[in-house]
Amino acid sequence: MDEGIYRQKMNLKDKNLLVISPFPNKDGRDVEGIFVKNQLEVIKDNFKEVTVIHLVSFSLIPSFVYRIFRGNFRYKPIKKDYKYANVSVYFPRYFYFPILYKMPIVKEVFEILRIKAVEGIIKKYKIKFDIIHAHFTSSGHYGVCLKEKYQKPIIITIHESSSWFLEEYNSGDEKIYDVWKKADFLIRVNKKDVQLLREYNKNVVSIPNGFDPKKFHPIKDSRTIVNLPKDKKIILSIGGLEEYKGHKYLVAAISKIVSIRNDILCLIVGEGSLKEELQKQINDLNLNEYVKLIGGKPHEEIPLWMNACDLFVLPSLEESFGIVQIEAMACGKPVVATRNGGSEEIIINDKLGFLAEPKNSDQLADAILKGLNTTWDSQYIIEYTEQFTWDKITENILEVYKLI
């Protein structure tokens, strides 16, 4: 860390920000990095110009062939550059051959190609920037290269899930540690990992992700709008249909719950590689009447589904934070979650929801039943989430910007 950086707070209004991060497509069908775009909705007004760079791979193997090989049939949108307000979004391509990626020499080549792709966009469009903000350690690698070439400060937000972060921390990979060391500031979205990161960089703060209260708030007649029965207790879960999201444990928990009460309907929103496997589990357990995989929903519709439920459930095996819980709570909904690394910092008392151990369908079923039988104070839950609005969260991020 350079000692001369902290002389005085920077005035941002005449500065340009460069963001290196996963980022959604213009049409909204792809929500990858949506939390970064939501963050920028507030941050952008504090800068002259904002540029976002999201690296996108291409391969000689058609993407749909590789996804079939991996058992992943999800729609993968074509990324196209776009601009809105004072934000320019670029999706530079780099060559990628997944089968060879684990070979050390090939991996080094791919890293060089990625960096060249980022630098190519900067040169092509003559992008000027004063601060770099990279999201995830992998993006931080390219950001640090830019810092050293252009002599600009960099902040890295580490969004990795708990196990992913610990894998990096315990990896012995000096390239990862070097990225953390060379950052001017590190932001971790949870509190528990801050001390670990301070082994590599003294400038580490915990700033969680936030939510937009203009979108996530109580909505009347939401159940009618999304055409859900009013005589059922609606259990909602939202997340990609991937192993770490733990949906199979939720389905197993519902099987136990319906033996006690049959007035429930569990809706799982999301797409992913485990869709067929989960549907088979639902069929095998004769739960088609009680559990529905309803696919992905446009982000703007999510508040309606959250408002339509009685209880929100996050059965993840791991989370870095889990902002979807906060969004549900902002709609006045209690949450049942697992102790996944993020939820413990959100569900801090029994007025907000209940926690269960991950991979434990019995505990999850008990927590859901308890949640359905509890009378909740929705106003208390809503007021608790006010500390997580993007306005509040970005105040802290802007303070970090001003310090470097």
Protein backbone atom coordinates (compact mmCIF):
# COMPACT_ATOMS: atom_id res chain seq x y z
CA MET A 1 0.00 0.00 0.00
CA ASP A 2 1.43 3.39 -1.00
CA GLU A 3 1.68 5.71 1.99
CA GLY A 4 1.12 8.85 -0.07
CA ILE A 5 -2.42 7.95 -1.12
CA TYR A 6 -4.20 9.15 2.03
CA ARG A 7 -3.52 12.88 1.90
CA GLN A 8 -7.03 14.21 1.61
CA LYS A 9 -10.46 13.14 0.49
CA MET A 10 -10.90 13.15 -3.27
CA ASN A 11 -13.60 15.22 -4.96
CA LEU A 12 -15.38 12.73 -7.22
CA LYS A 13 -17.63 14.96 -9.34
CA ASP A 14 -14.92 15.64 -11.91
CA LYS A 15 -13.56 12.06 -11.82
CA ASN A 16 -14.16 9.01 -14.00
CA LEU A 17 -14.74 5.52 -12.61
CA LEU A 18 -13.73 2.25 -14.28
CA VAL A 19 -15.61 -0.87 -13.12
CA ILE A 20 -14.38 -4.36 -14.01
CA SER A 21 -17.10 -6.84 -13.19
CA PRO A 22 -19.75 -9.25 -14.40
CA PHE A 23 -22.61 -7.08 -15.63
CA PRO A 24 -26.12 -7.59 -17.04
CA ASN A 25 -27.05 -7.30 -20.68
CA LYS A 26 -29.12 -4.31 -21.82
CA ASP A 27 -32.28 -6.36 -22.44
CA GLY A 28 -32.43 -7.53 -18.81
CA ARG A 29 -32.72 -11.22 -19.69
CA ASP A 30 -29.33 -11.88 -18.13
CA VAL A 31 -29.02 -10.85 -14.47
CA GLU A 32 -25.35 -11.74 -14.03
CA GLY A 33 -23.81 -9.01 -11.89
CA ILE A 34 -27.18 -7.31 -11.35
CA PHE A 35 -26.07 -6.26 -7.85
CA VAL A 36 -23.21 -4.27 -9.41
CA LYS A 37 -25.60 -2.50 -11.77
CA ASN A 38 -27.93 -1.74 -8.87
CA GLN A 39 -24.99 -0.31 -6.93
CA LEU A 40 -24.03 1.87 -9.89
CA GLU A 41 -27.55 3.32 -10.10
CA VAL A 42 -26.62 5.38 -7.04
CA ILE A 43 -22.86 5.69 -7.50
CA LYS A 44 -22.93 6.92 -11.12
CA ASP A 45 -24.39 10.29 -10.17
CA ASN A 46 -21.26 11.03 -8.15
CA PHE A 47 -18.93 10.71 -11.16
CA LYS A 48 -18.44 12.50 -14.46
CA GLU A 49 -18.29 9.25 -16.44
CA VAL A 50 -18.47 5.55 -15.54
CA THR A 51 -17.11 2.75 -17.74
CA VAL A 52 -17.92 -0.92 -17.12
CA ILE A 53 -15.86 -3.74 -18.65
CA HIS A 54 -17.15 -7.32 -18.49
CA LEU A 55 -14.87 -9.88 -20.12
CA VAL A 56 -16.70 -12.46 -22.23
CA SER A 57 -15.13 -15.67 -23.52
CA PHE A 58 -15.53 -17.20 -26.95
CA SER A 59 -14.37 -20.62 -28.07
CA LEU A 60 -13.96 -22.75 -31.18
CA ILE A 61 -16.43 -25.08 -29.46
CA PRO A 62 -19.93 -23.58 -29.85
CA SER A 63 -21.18 -22.50 -26.43
CA PHE A 64 -24.33 -24.61 -26.64
CA VAL A 65 -22.22 -27.76 -27.28
CA TYR A 66 -20.09 -27.06 -24.21
CA ARG A 67 -23.17 -26.37 -22.06
CA ILE A 68 -24.71 -29.68 -23.16
CA PHE A 69 -21.43 -31.43 -22.31
CA ARG A 70 -21.56 -29.81 -18.85
CA GLY A 71 -25.27 -30.63 -18.46
CA ASN A 72 -26.14 -26.94 -18.41
CA PHE A 73 -28.98 -26.03 -20.74
CA ARG A 74 -29.48 -22.47 -19.56
CA TYR A 75 -30.05 -19.68 -22.01
CA LYS A 76 -26.77 -17.82 -22.49
CA PRO A 77 -27.41 -14.39 -23.96
CA ILE A 78 -25.19 -12.62 -26.46
CA LYS A 79 -23.53 -9.68 -24.75
CA LYS A 80 -23.65 -6.39 -26.67
CA ASP A 81 -22.09 -3.07 -25.69
CA TYR A 82 -24.53 -0.41 -24.56
CA LYS A 83 -24.77 2.96 -22.84
CA TYR A 84 -27.19 4.49 -20.36
CA ALA A 85 -27.01 7.82 -18.53
CA ASN A 86 -23.28 8.46 -17.98
CA VAL A 87 -22.42 4.72 -17.98
CA SER A 88 -20.77 2.95 -20.93
CA VAL A 89 -20.76 -0.87 -20.83
CA TYR A 90 -18.34 -2.94 -22.90
CA PHE A 91 -18.10 -6.72 -23.35
CA PRO A 92 -14.66 -7.43 -24.86
CA ARG A 93 -14.13 -10.99 -26.08
CA TYR A 94 -11.15 -13.22 -25.42
CA PHE A 95 -10.36 -16.67 -26.76
CA TYR A 96 -11.10 -19.53 -24.35
CA PHE A 97 -10.76 -23.29 -24.73
CA PRO A 98 -12.35 -24.82 -21.58
CA ILE A 99 -10.98 -28.34 -21.97
CA LEU A 100 -7.38 -27.05 -21.92
CA TYR A 101 -7.88 -24.38 -19.27
CA LYS A 102 -6.43 -26.38 -16.35
CA MET A 103 -3.08 -26.81 -18.10
CA PRO A 104 -0.74 -24.25 -16.38
CA ILE A 105 0.85 -23.00 -19.61
CA VAL A 106 -2.49 -22.63 -21.38
CA LYS A 107 -3.97 -20.92 -18.32
CA GLU A 108 -1.14 -18.35 -18.41
CA VAL A 109 -1.88 -17.67 -22.09
CA PHE A 110 -5.56 -17.14 -21.37
CA GLU A 111 -4.70 -14.69 -18.57
CA ILE A 112 -2.61 -12.67 -21.00
CA LEU A 113 -5.44 -12.70 -23.56
CA ARG A 114 -7.88 -11.42 -20.93
CA ILE A 115 -5.63 -8.54 -19.94
CA LYS A 116 -5.03 -7.67 -23.60
CA ALA A 117 -8.80 -7.65 -24.19
CA VAL A 118 -9.35 -5.17 -21.35
CA GLU A 119 -6.49 -2.94 -22.48
CA GLY A 120 -7.75 -3.16 -26.07
CA ILE A 121 -11.11 -1.65 -25.09
CA ILE A 122 -9.41 1.12 -23.11
CA LYS A 123 -7.19 2.02 -26.08
CA LYS A 124 -9.90 1.65 -28.73
CA TYR A 125 -12.34 4.00 -27.00
CA LYS A 126 -9.67 6.20 -25.37
CA ILE A 127 -11.23 5.56 -21.97
CA LYS A 128 -10.11 7.89 -19.21
CA PHE A 129 -10.39 6.81 -15.59
CA ASP A 130 -9.24 7.98 -12.17
CA ILE A 131 -10.39 5.08 -9.96
CA ILE A 132 -10.70 1.35 -10.68
CA HIS A 133 -13.33 -0.74 -8.86
CA ALA A 134 -13.07 -4.47 -9.52
CA HIS A 135 -15.69 -6.95 -8.31
CA PHE A 136 -14.40 -10.43 -7.38
CA THR A 137 -10.72 -11.32 -6.99
CA SER A 138 -10.52 -12.56 -10.60
CA SER A 139 -11.49 -9.11 -11.91
CA GLY A 140 -9.08 -7.64 -9.37
CA HIS A 141 -6.22 -9.37 -11.19
CA TYR A 142 -6.89 -7.32 -14.34
CA GLY A 143 -7.55 -4.24 -12.26
CA VAL A 144 -4.15 -4.52 -10.55
CA CYS A 145 -2.48 -4.79 -13.98
CA LEU A 146 -4.22 -1.56 -14.99
CA LYS A 147 -3.23 0.09 -11.70
CA GLU A 148 0.42 -0.66 -12.37
CA LYS A 149 0.28 0.46 -16.00
CA TYR A 150 -1.79 3.63 -15.56
CA GLN A 151 -0.84 4.48 -11.95
CA LYS A 152 -4.47 4.59 -10.79
CA PRO A 153 -5.82 3.39 -7.42
CA ILE A 154 -7.96 0.25 -7.20
CA ILE A 155 -10.68 -0.99 -4.86
CA ILE A 156 -11.62 -4.67 -4.99
CA THR A 157 -14.94 -5.95 -3.63
CA ILE A 158 -14.73 -9.64 -2.77
CA HIS A 159 -18.17 -11.15 -3.40
CA GLU A 160 -17.04 -14.77 -3.36
CA SER A 161 -19.15 -17.27 -1.42
CA SER A 162 -17.71 -18.50 1.88
CA SER A 163 -16.21 -21.72 0.50
CA TRP A 164 -14.94 -19.99 -2.65
CA PHE A 165 -13.21 -17.33 -0.55
CA LEU A 166 -11.70 -19.92 1.79
CA GLU A 167 -10.49 -21.88 -1.23
CA GLU A 168 -8.68 -18.73 -2.40
CA TYR A 169 -7.39 -17.96 1.09
CA ASN A 170 -6.00 -21.48 1.60
CA SER A 171 -4.83 -21.97 -1.98
CA GLY A 172 -1.21 -20.93 -1.48
CA ASP A 173 -1.58 -19.12 -4.81
CA GLU A 174 0.73 -16.09 -4.65
CA LYS A 175 -1.12 -14.48 -7.59
CA ILE A 176 -4.30 -14.28 -5.51
CA TYR A 177 -2.44 -12.95 -2.48
CA ASP A 178 -0.62 -10.44 -4.69
CA VAL A 179 -3.95 -9.05 -5.92
CA TRP A 180 -5.15 -8.57 -2.36
CA LYS A 181 -1.85 -6.97 -1.31
CA LYS A 182 -1.72 -4.51 -4.20
CA ALA A 183 -5.29 -3.24 -3.82
CA ASP A 184 -5.56 0.22 -2.30
CA PHE A 185 -8.67 -0.98 -0.48
CA LEU A 186 -10.45 -4.31 -0.10
CA ILE A 187 -14.19 -4.53 0.56
CA ARG A 188 -15.68 -7.79 1.85
CA VAL A 189 -19.46 -8.22 1.78
CA ASN A 190 -19.52 -10.01 5.13
CA LYS A 191 -17.82 -9.26 8.45
CA LYS A 192 -16.34 -12.61 9.40
CA ASP A 193 -13.65 -12.69 6.68
CA VAL A 194 -12.26 -9.19 7.28
CA GLN A 195 -9.57 -10.34 9.72
CA LEU A 196 -8.36 -13.00 7.26
CA LEU A 197 -7.97 -10.41 4.51
CA ARG A 198 -6.09 -8.09 6.85
CA GLU A 199 -3.27 -10.60 6.82
CA TYR A 200 -2.64 -9.35 3.28
CA ASN A 201 -3.87 -5.77 3.35
CA LYS A 202 -4.47 -3.46 6.32
CA ASN A 203 -7.12 -1.48 4.40
CA VAL A 204 -10.11 -3.82 4.57
CA VAL A 205 -13.70 -2.90 5.37
CA SER A 206 -16.97 -4.82 5.45
CA ILE A 207 -19.69 -3.30 3.26
CA PRO A 208 -22.62 -5.58 2.34
CA ASN A 209 -24.64 -5.48 -0.84
CA GLY A 210 -27.79 -3.39 -0.79
CA PHE A 211 -31.30 -3.21 -2.23
CA ASP A 212 -33.51 -0.63 -3.94
CA PRO A 213 -36.44 0.33 -1.66
CA LYS A 214 -38.25 1.80 -4.67
CA LYS A 215 -38.52 -1.72 -6.06
CA PHE A 216 -38.65 -3.85 -2.93
CA HIS A 217 -41.48 -2.73 -0.66
CA PRO A 218 -44.98 -3.93 0.28
CA ILE A 219 -47.28 -4.23 -2.77
CA LYS A 220 -51.03 -4.70 -2.37
CA ASP A 221 -52.86 -7.41 -4.30
CA SER A 222 -49.58 -9.00 -5.42
CA ARG A 223 -51.01 -12.51 -5.08
CA THR A 224 -53.85 -11.61 -7.43
CA ILE A 225 -51.43 -10.01 -9.91
CA VAL A 226 -49.27 -13.15 -10.16
CA ASN A 227 -52.34 -15.39 -10.06
CA LEU A 228 -51.62 -17.39 -6.91
CA PRO A 229 -54.25 -19.05 -4.71
CA LYS A 230 -55.28 -17.08 -1.63
CA ASP A 231 -56.13 -20.18 0.40
CA LYS A 232 -52.55 -21.51 0.40
CA LYS A 233 -49.49 -20.71 2.50
CA ILE A 234 -46.96 -19.69 -0.13
CA ILE A 235 -43.31 -20.59 0.43
CA LEU A 236 -40.94 -18.86 -1.99
CA SER A 237 -37.31 -19.53 -2.85
CA ILE A 238 -35.31 -17.65 -5.49
CA GLY A 239 -31.94 -18.68 -6.88
CA GLY A 240 -30.14 -20.51 -9.65
CA LEU A 241 -30.89 -24.22 -9.79
CA GLU A 242 -27.35 -25.21 -8.88
CA GLU A 243 -25.99 -27.55 -6.22
CA TYR A 244 -24.81 -24.86 -3.81
CA LYS A 245 -28.26 -23.30 -3.64
CA GLY A 246 -29.53 -26.37 -1.77
CA HIS A 247 -32.94 -26.68 -3.41
CA LYS A 248 -32.97 -30.47 -3.13
CA TYR A 249 -32.99 -30.07 0.65
CA LEU A 250 -35.91 -27.68 0.38
CA VAL A 251 -37.85 -30.19 -1.75
CA ALA A 252 -37.09 -32.92 0.82
CA ALA A 253 -38.23 -30.59 3.61
CA ILE A 254 -41.53 -29.93 1.83
CA SER A 255 -42.07 -33.70 1.65
CA LYS A 256 -41.89 -33.80 5.45
CA ILE A 257 -44.07 -30.71 5.88
CA VAL A 258 -46.99 -31.98 3.76
CA SER A 259 -47.33 -34.96 6.07
CA ILE A 260 -48.25 -32.41 8.78
CA ARG A 261 -50.14 -29.76 6.82
CA ASN A 262 -51.29 -29.76 3.21
CA ASP A 263 -52.22 -26.11 2.74
CA ILE A 264 -48.82 -25.12 1.36
CA LEU A 265 -47.44 -24.28 -2.07
CA CYS A 266 -43.68 -23.96 -2.54
CA LEU A 267 -42.52 -21.94 -5.55
CA ILE A 268 -38.91 -22.07 -6.72
CA VAL A 269 -37.89 -19.24 -9.05
CA GLY A 270 -34.77 -19.73 -11.15
CA GLU A 271 -33.07 -21.61 -13.95
CA GLY A 272 -30.02 -23.85 -13.86
CA SER A 273 -28.32 -27.14 -14.59
CA LEU A 274 -30.27 -29.08 -11.92
CA LYS A 275 -33.74 -28.33 -13.25
CA GLU A 276 -34.41 -31.84 -14.57
CA GLU A 277 -32.92 -33.47 -11.46
CA LEU A 278 -35.07 -31.35 -9.15
CA GLN A 279 -38.20 -32.05 -11.20
CA LYS A 280 -37.48 -35.79 -10.98
CA GLN A 281 -37.13 -35.46 -7.19
CA ILE A 282 -40.48 -33.65 -7.07
CA ASN A 283 -42.09 -36.36 -9.19
CA ASP A 284 -40.57 -39.21 -7.17
CA LEU A 285 -41.83 -37.68 -3.90
CA ASN A 286 -45.31 -37.06 -5.38
CA LEU A 287 -44.99 -33.34 -4.66
CA ASN A 288 -46.24 -31.90 -7.96
CA GLU A 289 -49.22 -30.42 -6.13
CA TYR A 290 -47.00 -28.74 -3.56
CA VAL A 291 -43.74 -27.75 -5.27
CA LYS A 292 -43.51 -25.85 -8.56
CA LEU A 293 -40.37 -24.94 -10.52
CA ILE A 294 -41.65 -21.79 -12.18
CA GLY A 295 -38.48 -20.81 -14.07
CA GLY A 296 -36.67 -17.50 -14.15
CA LYS A 297 -38.57 -14.26 -13.79
CA PRO A 298 -37.62 -10.77 -15.00
CA HIS A 299 -35.91 -8.87 -12.20
CA GLU A 300 -38.64 -6.23 -12.18
CA GLU A 301 -41.24 -8.94 -11.39
CA ILE A 302 -39.39 -10.35 -8.38
CA PRO A 303 -40.91 -7.87 -5.88
CA LEU A 304 -44.39 -9.10 -6.86
CA TRP A 305 -43.48 -12.72 -6.17
CA MET A 306 -41.87 -11.80 -2.87
CA ASN A 307 -44.94 -9.87 -1.78
CA ALA A 308 -47.16 -12.80 -2.75
CA CYS A 309 -45.46 -15.24 -0.39
CA ASP A 310 -45.95 -15.92 3.31
CA LEU A 311 -42.40 -17.09 3.96
CA PHE A 312 -39.16 -16.74 2.04
CA VAL A 313 -36.66 -19.63 2.20
CA LEU A 314 -32.95 -19.59 1.32
CA PRO A 315 -31.65 -23.19 1.62
CA SER A 316 -28.15 -22.41 0.29
CA LEU A 317 -25.12 -24.44 1.27
CA GLU A 318 -23.07 -21.24 1.11
CA GLU A 319 -23.50 -17.52 0.52
CA SER A 320 -21.15 -14.55 0.76
CA PHE A 321 -24.07 -12.42 2.01
CA GLY A 322 -27.36 -13.24 0.28
CA ILE A 323 -29.02 -9.94 -0.62
CA VAL A 324 -32.16 -11.76 -1.83
CA GLN A 325 -33.06 -12.26 1.85
CA ILE A 326 -32.93 -8.52 2.48
CA GLU A 327 -35.09 -7.89 -0.59
CA ALA A 328 -37.74 -10.30 0.72
CA MET A 329 -37.60 -8.73 4.18
CA ALA A 330 -38.00 -5.26 2.63
CA CYS A 331 -41.36 -6.56 1.41
CA GLY A 332 -42.20 -7.45 5.02
CA LYS A 333 -41.57 -11.19 4.69
CA PRO A 334 -39.86 -13.37 7.33
CA VAL A 335 -37.00 -15.56 6.17
CA VAL A 336 -35.95 -19.12 6.88
CA ALA A 337 -32.33 -19.64 5.86
CA THR A 338 -29.40 -21.92 6.49
CA ARG A 339 -26.22 -21.03 8.35
CA ASN A 340 -24.47 -20.58 5.02
CA GLY A 341 -21.86 -17.96 5.87
CA GLY A 342 -23.99 -14.94 4.98
CA SER A 343 -27.43 -15.47 6.48
CA GLU A 344 -26.12 -15.49 10.05
CA GLU A 345 -25.24 -11.81 9.64
CA ILE A 346 -28.77 -10.99 8.44
CA ILE A 347 -31.14 -13.19 10.47
CA ILE A 348 -29.85 -11.93 13.81
CA ASN A 349 -32.97 -12.64 15.90
CA ASP A 350 -36.23 -14.62 15.87
CA LYS A 351 -38.25 -11.53 14.95
CA LEU A 352 -36.73 -11.71 11.47
CA GLY A 353 -36.77 -15.43 10.78
CA PHE A 354 -35.13 -18.72 11.67
CA LEU A 355 -31.91 -20.50 10.80
CA ALA A 356 -31.22 -24.17 10.11
CA GLU A 357 -28.07 -26.12 9.38
CA PRO A 358 -27.26 -26.50 5.67
CA LYS A 359 -27.88 -29.89 4.04
CA ASN A 360 -30.34 -30.74 6.82
CA SER A 361 -33.86 -31.16 5.46
CA ASP A 362 -35.26 -32.12 8.88
CA GLN A 363 -34.09 -28.89 10.50
CA LEU A 364 -35.20 -26.91 7.47
CA ALA A 365 -38.68 -28.47 7.65
CA ASP A 366 -38.93 -27.66 11.36
CA ALA A 367 -37.87 -24.05 10.75
CA ILE A 368 -40.37 -23.63 7.91
CA LEU A 369 -43.22 -25.09 9.99
CA LYS A 370 -42.27 -22.78 12.85
CA GLY A 371 -42.19 -19.86 10.43
CA LEU A 372 -45.63 -20.69 9.06
CA ASN A 373 -47.05 -20.93 12.58
CA THR A 374 -45.54 -17.64 13.82
CA THR A 375 -47.32 -14.30 13.83
CA TRP A 376 -44.83 -11.85 12.36
CA ASP A 377 -44.42 -8.10 12.79
CA SER A 378 -43.95 -7.06 9.16
CA GLN A 379 -43.23 -3.44 10.05
CA TYR A 380 -40.36 -4.48 12.33
CA ILE A 381 -38.89 -6.59 9.51
CA ILE A 382 -39.20 -3.73 7.00
CA GLU A 383 -37.59 -1.20 9.34
CA TYR A 384 -34.69 -3.56 9.99
CA THR A 385 -33.80 -3.54 6.27
CA GLU A 386 -33.45 0.25 6.09
CA GLN A 387 -29.75 -0.05 6.95
CA PHE A 388 -29.24 -2.00 3.71
CA THR A 389 -30.71 0.44 1.17
CA TRP A 390 -28.35 1.28 -1.68
CA ASP A 391 -28.34 4.91 -0.55
CA LYS A 392 -26.95 3.86 2.83
CA ILE A 393 -24.54 1.26 1.44
CA THR A 394 -23.11 3.49 -1.28
CA GLU A 395 -22.40 6.24 1.25
CA ASN A 396 -19.80 3.87 2.70
CA ILE A 397 -18.44 2.91 -0.73
CA LEU A 398 -18.11 6.57 -1.73
CA GLU A 399 -16.19 7.27 1.46
CA VAL A 400 -13.69 4.59 0.41
CA TYR A 401 -13.43 6.17 -3.06
CA LYS A 402 -12.72 9.55 -1.53
CA LEU A 403 -9.92 8.18 0.62
CA ILE A 404 -7.75 6.87 -2.19
